[in-house]
Amino acid sequence: MTRVLKNYINGKWSESKNTKLRDVINPASGQVLSQVPAGSKEDIDYAAESARSAWWSWRNTPATQRVQYLFRMKQILEINADEIAEICTNECGKTFAESKAEIVRAVENIEVACGIPRLLQSDFSEDIATGIDEFYIRQPVGVGASISPFNFPVMIPFWFMPYAIACGNTYIVKPSGKVPGSMTRIFELLQDLNLPAGVLNMVHGGKDTVDAILENQYIRAISFVGSSDVAKYIYRTGSANGKRVQALGGAKNPVVIMPDADVDTTVKIICDSAYGCAGQRCLAAAIVLTVGKAGEVFPAKLAEASKEKRLGYGMTPGVEIGPVITGESKERINKLIEKAVGEGAKLLLDGRNIKVPGGDNGFFVGPTILENVDIESEIYNTEIFGPVIIIKNVDSLDEAIKLANKGHHGNAASIFTTSGAAARKFRHDVQAGNIGINIGIAAPMAFFPFSGWKESFFGDLHGQSFHAVEFYTQTKVVIERWHDEWTRKF
């Protein structure tokens, strides 16, 4: 019998008020793994009320005590990393190594959040006027919530949740309905923390659940990661309802290869960047801009290396690329490639209709490389979210930067070069929030914010590090003067 997943609210597992269920599919095999509730407003209202009730006590728990739960949370994830990673691979499609790397990133954010007793310290100014002192303190905003995408079901909630609860907030995690199993298992394991009931909750669901989060009166801060169109909606609707919102959107990341770049190293790094997680990540290399003579070498080298990538089930040793998340995603990617070819693009490598041993029912798309793509075309300007590279040759670094800045997105951009001057110009002039220099995936460590510009981010404060602390706290300025018997003598 197929397992039906439950919500975790107020320290207990509970069934959704909505009896409608959706299948959770293993994208490598088409197998039904479980069923997840479609979700409802009533589920969110119950979770928010529970979190609000728990907040009054949790906010007054000393920060040094709150982080003790995080120390144990880190240990739980580390001890159970293999089990969580296997669940993640089965529901998400990525390789086991990629799933393990996700957990490492989640743990790093817990580690940074454990520094909250220091991160919450504020400035103090004595004698701003005679006998008057001024300082500010940080206090939690209340109930927070995160809305997660399918591609990193373990890591992304931990960009936000550890900081929120460490700062004294209570929290609701809403996993993606496509990949709810790994977070469900994490919550089962986190029961051993014995957190006060209502501090940490999980609610499944789709758009109705999201809208309930955006509208609920008790939820004060919302963190989202997903496509740009949905990020706009989340930001606009949440802000209109008086909430703090940080909404991370999509990406179309350019990579510039200078003629002096090391060939073998650059090719390997770009392939790993473009095809890791089957291209389903917001830091994937999407457009490769070769400068000058680099265009004579790198297209063929990239195609040659891409052909060697092994596709398959992510738990199989040696597999480097798993499936995309759904049959609809596969069809969408294939149609974008077909349309581009019809408009005159040249296929250096075609990943459509690839045959994967044992994967006849899986949603596989192989590495695909396109040249001569019109920069005004749909495929050039759309986040493909698949293992597809577009290569374009340009005459100069200035032209490359101009093209890199052309798009609506601004999540990440990378350059490969041995020239410090070229690297400096690139990092200064490119309009993107995460910059890689001889790095294919410009993923900030947990003690730096995960930046993003333009339509890759809506809000003011990003996830991770001190930005997360600022987002989940509000400042209170105190100006004080004390009178006593001694001071009145003067």
Protein backbone atom coordinates (compact mmCIF):
# COMPACT_ATOMS: atom_id res chain seq x y z
CA MET A 1 0.00 0.00 0.00
CA THR A 2 1.33 3.44 -0.97
CA ARG A 3 2.34 5.57 1.99
CA VAL A 4 0.41 8.83 2.50
CA LEU A 5 2.59 11.57 3.96
CA LYS A 6 1.39 13.69 6.87
CA ASN A 7 1.95 17.19 8.16
CA TYR A 8 3.96 17.85 11.32
CA ILE A 9 2.23 20.52 13.43
CA ASN A 10 2.51 21.45 17.09
CA GLY A 11 4.84 18.55 17.81
CA LYS A 12 2.57 15.88 16.28
CA TRP A 13 1.92 14.18 12.95
CA SER A 14 -1.49 15.02 11.54
CA GLU A 15 -3.46 14.35 8.39
CA SER A 16 -4.24 17.21 6.03
CA LYS A 17 -7.74 18.67 6.04
CA ASN A 18 -7.65 18.21 2.26
CA THR A 19 -8.15 14.55 1.32
CA LYS A 20 -6.94 15.08 -2.26
CA LEU A 21 -3.60 13.31 -2.84
CA ARG A 22 -0.84 13.58 -5.45
CA ASP A 23 1.62 10.89 -6.44
CA VAL A 24 5.31 11.37 -5.69
CA ILE A 25 7.23 9.83 -8.59
CA ASN A 26 10.79 8.51 -8.84
CA PRO A 27 11.90 10.33 -12.03
CA ALA A 28 14.46 7.64 -12.86
CA SER A 29 11.92 4.82 -13.00
CA GLY A 30 8.42 6.32 -13.01
CA GLN A 31 7.67 4.39 -9.80
CA VAL A 32 5.18 5.89 -7.32
CA LEU A 33 7.08 6.43 -4.06
CA SER A 34 4.33 7.89 -1.90
CA GLN A 35 1.35 10.21 -1.95
CA VAL A 36 1.34 13.75 -0.63
CA PRO A 37 -1.65 15.90 0.39
CA ALA A 38 -2.67 18.73 -1.91
CA GLY A 39 -2.87 20.90 1.22
CA SER A 40 -5.31 23.49 2.47
CA LYS A 41 -5.72 26.85 4.17
CA GLU A 42 -6.89 25.03 7.30
CA ASP A 43 -3.54 23.21 7.54
CA ILE A 44 -1.60 26.47 7.41
CA ASP A 45 -3.95 28.19 9.86
CA TYR A 46 -3.44 25.35 12.35
CA ALA A 47 0.35 25.45 11.92
CA ALA A 48 0.51 29.24 12.17
CA GLU A 49 -1.65 29.33 15.31
CA SER A 50 0.53 26.65 16.90
CA ALA A 51 3.70 28.51 15.93
CA ARG A 52 2.29 31.79 17.23
CA SER A 53 1.43 30.22 20.59
CA ALA A 54 4.90 28.67 20.89
CA TRP A 55 6.61 31.94 19.97
CA TRP A 56 5.77 33.76 23.21
CA SER A 57 7.87 31.30 25.17
CA TRP A 58 10.50 30.54 22.51
CA ARG A 59 11.42 34.20 21.98
CA ASN A 60 12.29 34.47 25.69
CA THR A 61 14.46 31.37 25.65
CA PRO A 62 18.09 32.57 25.86
CA ALA A 63 19.95 32.33 22.55
CA THR A 64 22.60 30.18 24.21
CA GLN A 65 19.89 27.63 24.98
CA ARG A 66 18.24 27.84 21.55
CA VAL A 67 21.48 26.93 19.79
CA GLN A 68 21.81 23.75 21.84
CA TYR A 69 18.97 22.36 19.73
CA LEU A 70 20.92 23.32 16.60
CA PHE A 71 24.04 21.51 17.76
CA ARG A 72 21.95 18.35 18.05
CA MET A 73 20.21 19.07 14.74
CA LYS A 74 23.61 19.13 13.01
CA GLN A 75 24.52 15.78 14.55
CA ILE A 76 21.23 14.20 13.48
CA LEU A 77 21.74 15.23 9.85
CA GLU A 78 25.34 14.04 9.81
CA ILE A 79 24.59 10.67 11.41
CA ASN A 80 21.68 9.98 9.05
CA ALA A 81 23.18 11.56 5.92
CA ASP A 82 23.26 8.37 3.83
CA GLU A 83 19.61 7.54 4.53
CA ILE A 84 18.45 11.08 3.78
CA ALA A 85 20.56 11.23 0.62
CA GLU A 86 19.08 8.00 -0.74
CA ILE A 87 15.55 9.33 -0.21
CA CYS A 88 16.55 12.58 -1.91
CA THR A 89 18.02 10.71 -4.89
CA ASN A 90 14.94 8.54 -5.32
CA GLU A 91 12.47 11.41 -5.30
CA CYS A 92 14.59 14.13 -6.93
CA GLY A 93 16.64 12.14 -9.45
CA LYS A 94 20.06 13.54 -8.67
CA THR A 95 23.02 11.30 -7.99
CA PHE A 96 23.77 10.00 -4.51
CA ALA A 97 26.94 12.14 -4.38
CA GLU A 98 24.93 15.24 -5.25
CA SER A 99 22.39 14.43 -2.54
CA LYS A 100 25.18 13.97 0.02
CA ALA A 101 26.65 17.34 -1.02
CA GLU A 102 23.23 18.90 -0.37
CA ILE A 103 23.28 17.65 3.19
CA VAL A 104 26.79 19.04 3.72
CA ARG A 105 25.51 22.48 2.68
CA ALA A 106 22.53 22.16 5.02
CA VAL A 107 24.84 21.28 7.91
CA GLU A 108 27.10 24.25 7.13
CA ASN A 109 24.13 26.59 7.56
CA ILE A 110 23.25 25.01 10.89
CA GLU A 111 26.86 25.54 11.98
CA VAL A 112 26.75 29.23 11.08
CA ALA A 113 23.39 29.68 12.83
CA CYS A 114 24.95 28.21 15.98
CA GLY A 115 26.85 31.48 16.21
CA ILE A 116 23.64 33.41 16.93
CA PRO A 117 24.71 34.51 20.45
CA ARG A 118 27.48 36.49 18.71
CA LEU A 119 25.55 37.39 15.55
CA LEU A 120 22.78 39.03 17.59
CA GLN A 121 25.16 41.44 19.33
CA SER A 122 24.48 45.07 18.55
CA ASP A 123 26.19 48.45 18.81
CA PHE A 124 26.20 50.58 21.97
CA SER A 125 27.01 54.30 22.00
CA GLU A 126 27.66 55.92 25.38
CA ASP A 127 27.07 59.61 26.00
CA ILE A 128 25.46 60.60 22.71
CA ALA A 129 24.58 63.59 24.86
CA THR A 130 25.53 64.21 28.47
CA GLY A 131 24.36 61.20 30.49
CA ILE A 132 22.42 59.71 27.57
CA ASP A 133 23.27 56.35 25.98
CA GLU A 134 21.90 54.83 22.80
CA PHE A 135 21.92 51.27 21.49
CA TYR A 136 19.79 48.86 19.52
CA ILE A 137 18.70 45.31 20.13
CA ARG A 138 17.53 42.61 17.73
CA GLN A 139 14.29 40.78 18.43
CA PRO A 140 12.54 38.00 16.48
CA VAL A 141 9.81 38.97 14.03
CA GLY A 142 7.43 36.14 15.03
CA VAL A 143 6.35 33.26 12.81
CA GLY A 144 8.36 32.57 9.65
CA ALA A 145 7.80 30.21 6.72
CA SER A 146 9.78 28.85 3.80
CA ILE A 147 8.43 27.66 0.44
CA SER A 148 10.90 25.28 -1.16
CA PRO A 149 11.53 24.10 -4.75
CA PHE A 150 12.03 20.53 -5.92
CA ASN A 151 15.68 20.70 -6.96
CA PHE A 152 17.29 20.98 -3.50
CA PRO A 153 14.73 19.56 -1.08
CA VAL A 154 17.22 19.21 1.79
CA MET A 155 19.54 22.18 1.43
CA ILE A 156 17.25 25.09 0.69
CA PRO A 157 15.03 24.97 3.81
CA PHE A 158 18.27 25.16 5.81
CA TRP A 159 19.21 28.46 4.14
CA PHE A 160 16.46 29.92 6.33
CA MET A 161 15.06 27.71 9.08
CA PRO A 162 18.11 27.37 11.40
CA TYR A 163 18.63 31.13 11.46
CA ALA A 164 14.96 31.81 12.06
CA ILE A 165 14.58 29.54 15.08
CA ALA A 166 18.03 30.48 16.46
CA CYS A 167 16.90 34.13 16.42
CA GLY A 168 13.83 33.25 18.48
CA ASN A 169 11.22 32.83 15.75
CA THR A 170 8.97 29.83 15.27
CA TYR A 171 8.74 28.26 11.83
CA ILE A 172 6.78 26.45 9.13
CA VAL A 173 8.52 24.52 6.34
CA LYS A 174 6.55 23.84 3.15
CA PRO A 175 8.39 21.30 0.96
CA SER A 176 7.79 20.97 -2.76
CA GLY A 177 4.98 18.55 -3.52
CA LYS A 178 7.25 16.81 -6.03
CA VAL A 179 9.89 15.91 -3.42
CA PRO A 180 8.34 15.79 0.06
CA GLY A 181 9.93 12.57 1.28
CA SER A 182 13.38 13.76 2.35
CA MET A 183 12.03 16.61 4.46
CA THR A 184 9.42 14.30 5.96
CA ARG A 185 12.18 11.93 7.03
CA ILE A 186 14.23 14.82 8.44
CA PHE A 187 11.27 15.91 10.57
CA GLU A 188 10.85 12.33 11.81
CA LEU A 189 14.48 12.37 12.89
CA LEU A 190 14.23 15.88 14.38
CA GLN A 191 11.57 14.68 16.80
CA ASP A 192 14.51 13.50 18.90
CA LEU A 193 15.42 17.15 19.48
CA ASN A 194 12.40 17.52 21.77
CA LEU A 195 11.86 21.07 20.62
CA PRO A 196 8.93 22.78 22.34
CA ALA A 197 5.73 21.95 20.46
CA GLY A 198 4.96 24.47 17.72
CA VAL A 199 8.49 25.83 17.30
CA LEU A 200 9.10 23.84 14.10
CA ASN A 201 6.31 22.68 11.78
CA MET A 202 5.96 21.19 8.30
CA VAL A 203 2.94 21.48 6.01
CA HIS A 204 2.57 19.83 2.59
CA GLY A 205 0.60 21.24 -0.30
CA GLY A 206 0.45 23.22 -3.53
CA LYS A 207 -0.74 26.66 -4.54
CA ASP A 208 -3.60 26.77 -2.04
CA THR A 209 -1.11 26.15 0.75
CA VAL A 210 1.22 28.82 -0.62
CA ASP A 211 -1.61 31.35 -0.83
CA ALA A 212 -2.58 30.55 2.74
CA ILE A 213 0.99 31.30 3.85
CA LEU A 214 0.89 34.61 1.99
CA GLU A 215 -2.39 35.59 3.63
CA ASN A 216 -2.14 34.23 7.17
CA GLN A 217 -2.14 37.02 9.75
CA TYR A 218 0.40 35.37 12.06
CA ILE A 219 3.09 34.61 9.47
CA ARG A 220 5.38 37.64 9.36
CA ALA A 221 8.34 36.57 7.20
CA ILE A 222 8.43 34.38 4.08
CA SER A 223 11.40 32.87 2.27
CA PHE A 224 10.93 31.44 -1.23
CA VAL A 225 13.08 29.79 -3.88
CA GLY A 226 11.71 28.93 -7.33
CA SER A 227 11.04 30.35 -10.77
CA SER A 228 11.12 34.11 -11.37
CA ASP A 229 7.44 34.32 -12.28
CA VAL A 230 6.40 32.65 -9.04
CA ALA A 231 8.98 34.67 -7.09
CA LYS A 232 7.36 37.86 -8.38
CA TYR A 233 3.96 36.60 -7.29
CA ILE A 234 5.22 35.60 -3.85
CA TYR A 235 6.97 38.93 -3.33
CA ARG A 236 4.11 41.05 -4.61
CA THR A 237 1.38 39.22 -2.71
CA GLY A 238 3.31 38.75 0.53
CA SER A 239 4.46 42.37 0.60
CA ALA A 240 0.94 43.61 -0.08
CA ASN A 241 -0.13 41.68 3.02
CA GLY A 242 2.48 43.44 5.13
CA LYS A 243 4.99 40.60 5.32
CA ARG A 244 8.74 40.51 4.93
CA VAL A 245 9.57 38.55 1.79
CA GLN A 246 12.79 37.25 0.27
CA ALA A 247 12.01 35.55 -3.04
CA LEU A 248 14.80 33.94 -5.02
CA GLY A 249 13.94 33.44 -8.68
CA GLY A 250 15.36 31.77 -11.76
CA ALA A 251 18.64 32.14 -13.59
CA LYS A 252 20.34 32.12 -16.97
CA ASN A 253 23.98 32.08 -15.99
CA PRO A 254 26.65 33.18 -18.48
CA VAL A 255 30.16 31.76 -18.47
CA VAL A 256 32.94 33.62 -20.29
CA ILE A 257 35.99 31.72 -21.57
CA MET A 258 39.00 33.86 -22.41
CA PRO A 259 41.61 32.66 -24.94
CA ASP A 260 44.16 32.17 -22.13
CA ALA A 261 41.94 29.82 -20.10
CA ASP A 262 43.33 26.38 -19.28
CA VAL A 263 41.55 24.07 -21.69
CA ASP A 264 41.21 20.78 -19.82
CA THR A 265 40.39 22.28 -16.43
CA THR A 266 37.88 24.73 -17.89
CA VAL A 267 36.09 22.06 -19.91
CA LYS A 268 35.73 19.77 -16.89
CA ILE A 269 34.46 22.54 -14.62
CA ILE A 270 31.92 23.81 -17.15
CA CYS A 271 30.56 20.32 -17.82
CA ASP A 272 30.17 19.72 -14.10
CA SER A 273 28.41 23.06 -13.74
CA ALA A 274 26.05 22.63 -16.70
CA TYR A 275 25.11 18.98 -16.15
CA GLY A 276 25.19 18.60 -12.38
CA CYS A 277 21.71 17.87 -11.01
CA ALA A 278 20.73 17.42 -14.69
CA GLY A 279 21.06 21.19 -15.10
CA GLN A 280 18.23 21.74 -12.62
CA ARG A 281 19.89 24.32 -10.39
CA CYS A 282 19.98 28.08 -10.33
CA LEU A 283 23.79 28.15 -10.53
CA ALA A 284 24.13 25.96 -13.63
CA ALA A 285 26.21 27.21 -16.53
CA ALA A 286 23.71 28.00 -19.29
CA ILE A 287 25.38 30.28 -21.86
CA VAL A 288 29.07 29.83 -22.71
CA LEU A 289 30.60 32.92 -24.32
CA THR A 290 33.94 32.11 -25.93
CA VAL A 291 36.15 35.13 -26.58
CA GLY A 292 38.27 35.31 -29.75
CA LYS A 293 40.38 32.22 -30.40
CA ALA A 294 38.73 30.38 -27.51
CA GLY A 295 35.90 29.79 -29.98
CA GLU A 296 38.20 27.67 -32.13
CA VAL A 297 38.98 25.23 -29.33
CA PHE A 298 36.29 24.98 -26.69
CA PRO A 299 33.09 24.01 -28.56
CA ALA A 300 34.55 20.74 -29.84
CA LYS A 301 36.26 20.04 -26.50
CA LEU A 302 33.01 20.60 -24.59
CA ALA A 303 31.09 18.34 -26.96
CA GLU A 304 33.72 15.62 -26.63
CA ALA A 305 33.69 15.74 -22.83
CA SER A 306 29.89 15.92 -22.70
CA LYS A 307 29.55 12.69 -24.68
CA GLU A 308 31.40 10.85 -21.92
CA LYS A 309 28.90 11.75 -19.21
CA ARG A 310 27.07 8.70 -17.92
CA LEU A 311 23.32 8.94 -17.37
CA GLY A 312 21.25 6.71 -15.14
CA TYR A 313 19.72 6.00 -11.76
CA GLY A 314 21.44 8.17 -9.17
CA MET A 315 22.15 5.32 -6.76
CA THR A 316 24.17 3.43 -9.41
CA PRO A 317 27.93 3.87 -8.94
CA GLY A 318 29.54 5.87 -11.74
CA VAL A 319 26.37 7.65 -12.84
CA GLU A 320 27.01 11.40 -13.29
CA ILE A 321 23.65 12.69 -14.54
CA GLY A 322 20.21 11.69 -13.33
CA PRO A 323 16.81 12.39 -14.90
CA VAL A 324 14.92 15.66 -14.93
CA ILE A 325 12.11 15.86 -12.42
CA THR A 326 8.99 15.03 -14.49
CA GLY A 327 7.84 13.89 -17.90
CA GLU A 328 6.47 17.40 -18.45
CA SER A 329 9.89 18.87 -17.77
CA LYS A 330 11.50 16.50 -20.26
CA GLU A 331 8.93 17.37 -22.91
CA ARG A 332 9.38 21.10 -22.31
CA ILE A 333 13.18 20.86 -22.66
CA ASN A 334 12.92 18.80 -25.85
CA LYS A 335 10.46 21.26 -27.38
CA LEU A 336 12.78 24.20 -26.63
CA ILE A 337 15.65 22.37 -28.34
CA GLU A 338 13.46 21.48 -31.32
CA LYS A 339 12.28 25.06 -31.69
CA ALA A 340 15.83 26.40 -31.54
CA VAL A 341 16.96 24.00 -34.26
CA GLY A 342 14.00 25.03 -36.39
CA GLU A 343 15.11 28.65 -36.02
CA GLY A 344 18.59 27.85 -37.31
CA ALA A 345 20.58 26.77 -34.26
CA LYS A 346 23.28 24.14 -34.82
CA LEU A 347 23.28 21.01 -32.68
CA LEU A 348 26.78 20.04 -31.64
CA LEU A 349 25.33 17.40 -29.33
CA ASP A 350 21.73 16.21 -29.13
CA GLY A 351 20.53 14.74 -25.83
CA ARG A 352 16.96 14.09 -26.91
CA ASN A 353 15.73 10.51 -27.14
CA ILE A 354 18.80 9.25 -25.33
CA LYS A 355 18.71 5.59 -24.34
CA VAL A 356 19.54 4.88 -20.69
CA PRO A 357 19.96 1.24 -19.60
CA GLY A 358 17.04 0.37 -17.32
CA GLY A 359 15.62 3.87 -17.69
CA ASP A 360 12.89 3.36 -20.28
CA ASN A 361 10.30 4.82 -17.90
CA GLY A 362 12.57 7.58 -16.59
CA PHE A 363 12.66 11.22 -17.59
CA PHE A 364 16.16 11.43 -19.05
CA VAL A 365 17.61 14.19 -21.20
CA GLY A 366 21.23 13.87 -22.26
CA PRO A 367 23.83 16.65 -22.51
CA THR A 368 22.90 18.99 -25.33
CA ILE A 369 25.04 21.72 -26.93
CA LEU A 370 23.72 24.38 -29.31
CA GLU A 371 25.56 26.94 -31.45
CA ASN A 372 24.32 29.79 -33.66
CA VAL A 373 21.43 30.50 -31.32
CA ASP A 374 19.62 33.79 -31.91
CA ILE A 375 20.10 35.95 -28.79
CA GLU A 376 16.45 37.06 -29.07
CA SER A 377 15.15 33.48 -29.19
CA GLU A 378 13.12 31.80 -26.47
CA ILE A 379 15.77 29.23 -25.61
CA TYR A 380 18.47 31.90 -25.21
CA ASN A 381 16.40 33.92 -22.75
CA THR A 382 14.51 31.16 -20.91
CA GLU A 383 15.73 29.23 -17.90
CA ILE A 384 15.79 25.76 -19.45
CA PHE A 385 16.40 23.83 -16.20
CA GLY A 386 17.94 20.95 -18.08
CA PRO A 387 21.38 19.76 -19.26
CA VAL A 388 21.64 22.20 -22.17
CA ILE A 389 24.54 24.53 -23.06
CA ILE A 390 24.34 27.40 -25.56
CA ILE A 391 27.71 28.41 -27.01
CA LYS A 392 28.34 31.76 -28.67
CA ASN A 393 31.62 33.25 -29.84
CA VAL A 394 32.32 36.97 -29.36
CA ASP A 395 35.23 39.20 -30.31
CA SER A 396 36.11 40.76 -26.96
CA LEU A 397 35.60 40.71 -23.20
CA ASP A 398 33.58 43.92 -23.52
CA GLU A 399 31.18 42.21 -25.91
CA ALA A 400 30.95 39.19 -23.61
CA ILE A 401 30.07 41.41 -20.64
CA LYS A 402 27.49 43.25 -22.70
CA LEU A 403 25.80 39.96 -23.62
CA ALA A 404 26.09 38.67 -20.05
CA ASN A 405 24.24 41.75 -18.84
CA LYS A 406 21.57 41.59 -21.53
CA GLY A 407 19.23 39.13 -19.85
CA HIS A 408 16.59 39.62 -17.19
CA HIS A 409 18.31 37.33 -14.70
CA GLY A 410 21.31 38.10 -12.53
CA ASN A 411 21.96 35.12 -10.32
CA ALA A 412 25.52 34.11 -11.21
CA ALA A 413 28.24 34.63 -13.82
CA SER A 414 31.70 33.12 -14.21
CA ILE A 415 34.89 33.80 -16.12
CA PHE A 416 37.80 31.50 -16.95
CA THR A 417 41.11 33.25 -17.46
CA THR A 418 44.68 33.59 -16.21
CA SER A 419 44.49 37.40 -16.46
CA GLY A 420 43.88 39.25 -13.21
CA ALA A 421 42.93 42.38 -15.14
CA ALA A 422 40.26 40.52 -17.14
CA ALA A 423 38.92 38.87 -13.99
CA ARG A 424 38.73 42.17 -12.14
CA LYS A 425 36.94 43.92 -14.99
CA PHE A 426 34.48 41.04 -15.22
CA ARG A 427 33.63 40.92 -11.52
CA HIS A 428 33.24 44.71 -11.45
CA ASP A 429 31.10 45.12 -14.57
CA VAL A 430 28.88 42.03 -14.68
CA GLN A 431 25.39 42.47 -13.26
CA ALA A 432 25.05 39.32 -11.21
CA GLY A 433 25.03 38.63 -7.50
CA ASN A 434 27.34 35.58 -7.40
CA ILE A 435 30.59 35.79 -9.37
CA GLY A 436 32.91 32.89 -10.16
CA ILE A 437 36.51 33.36 -11.28
CA ASN A 438 37.78 30.03 -12.61
CA ILE A 439 34.83 28.58 -10.67
CA GLY A 440 31.88 27.04 -12.51
CA ILE A 441 29.38 27.08 -9.65
CA ALA A 442 29.62 30.32 -7.70
CA ALA A 443 27.88 28.96 -4.60
CA PRO A 444 28.60 31.08 -1.50
CA MET A 445 29.60 29.32 1.67
CA ALA A 446 27.04 29.48 4.48
CA PHE A 447 28.83 32.36 6.19
CA PHE A 448 28.17 34.55 3.11
CA PRO A 449 24.70 35.54 1.81
CA PHE A 450 23.41 33.80 -1.32
CA SER A 451 23.17 36.85 -3.53
CA GLY A 452 21.14 37.44 -6.66
CA TRP A 453 20.27 40.46 -8.79
CA LYS A 454 17.62 41.60 -11.24
CA GLU A 455 14.81 39.05 -11.72
CA SER A 456 16.77 36.39 -9.89
CA PHE A 457 15.87 37.98 -6.57
CA PHE A 458 13.02 40.04 -5.14
CA GLY A 459 13.57 41.63 -1.76
CA ASP A 460 16.36 43.28 0.20
CA LEU A 461 17.98 40.56 2.30
CA HIS A 462 19.14 37.22 0.92
CA GLY A 463 19.32 33.77 2.46
CA GLN A 464 22.19 32.51 4.65
CA SER A 465 24.57 34.21 7.05
CA PHE A 466 24.03 37.71 8.46
CA HIS A 467 21.39 38.50 5.82
CA ALA A 468 19.25 35.69 7.23
CA VAL A 469 19.80 37.03 10.75
CA GLU A 470 18.72 40.52 9.70
CA PHE A 471 15.72 39.17 7.80
CA TYR A 472 14.42 37.19 10.76
CA THR A 473 14.96 39.93 13.32
CA GLN A 474 13.76 43.48 13.77
CA THR A 475 15.77 46.21 15.46
CA LYS A 476 14.61 48.21 18.43
CA VAL A 477 16.54 51.40 19.19
CA VAL A 478 16.82 52.36 22.87
CA ILE A 479 17.81 55.85 24.03
CA GLU A 480 18.16 56.08 27.80
CA ARG A 481 19.11 58.42 30.62
CA TRP A 482 19.20 57.52 34.29
CA HIS A 483 18.79 59.87 37.24
CA ASP A 484 19.78 59.00 40.77
CA GLU A 485 20.60 60.76 43.99
CA TRP A 486 24.25 61.14 43.02
CA THR A 487 23.69 62.75 39.60
CA ARG A 488 21.16 65.21 40.99
CA LYS A 489 23.86 66.71 43.19
CA PHE A 490 25.47 68.07 40.07
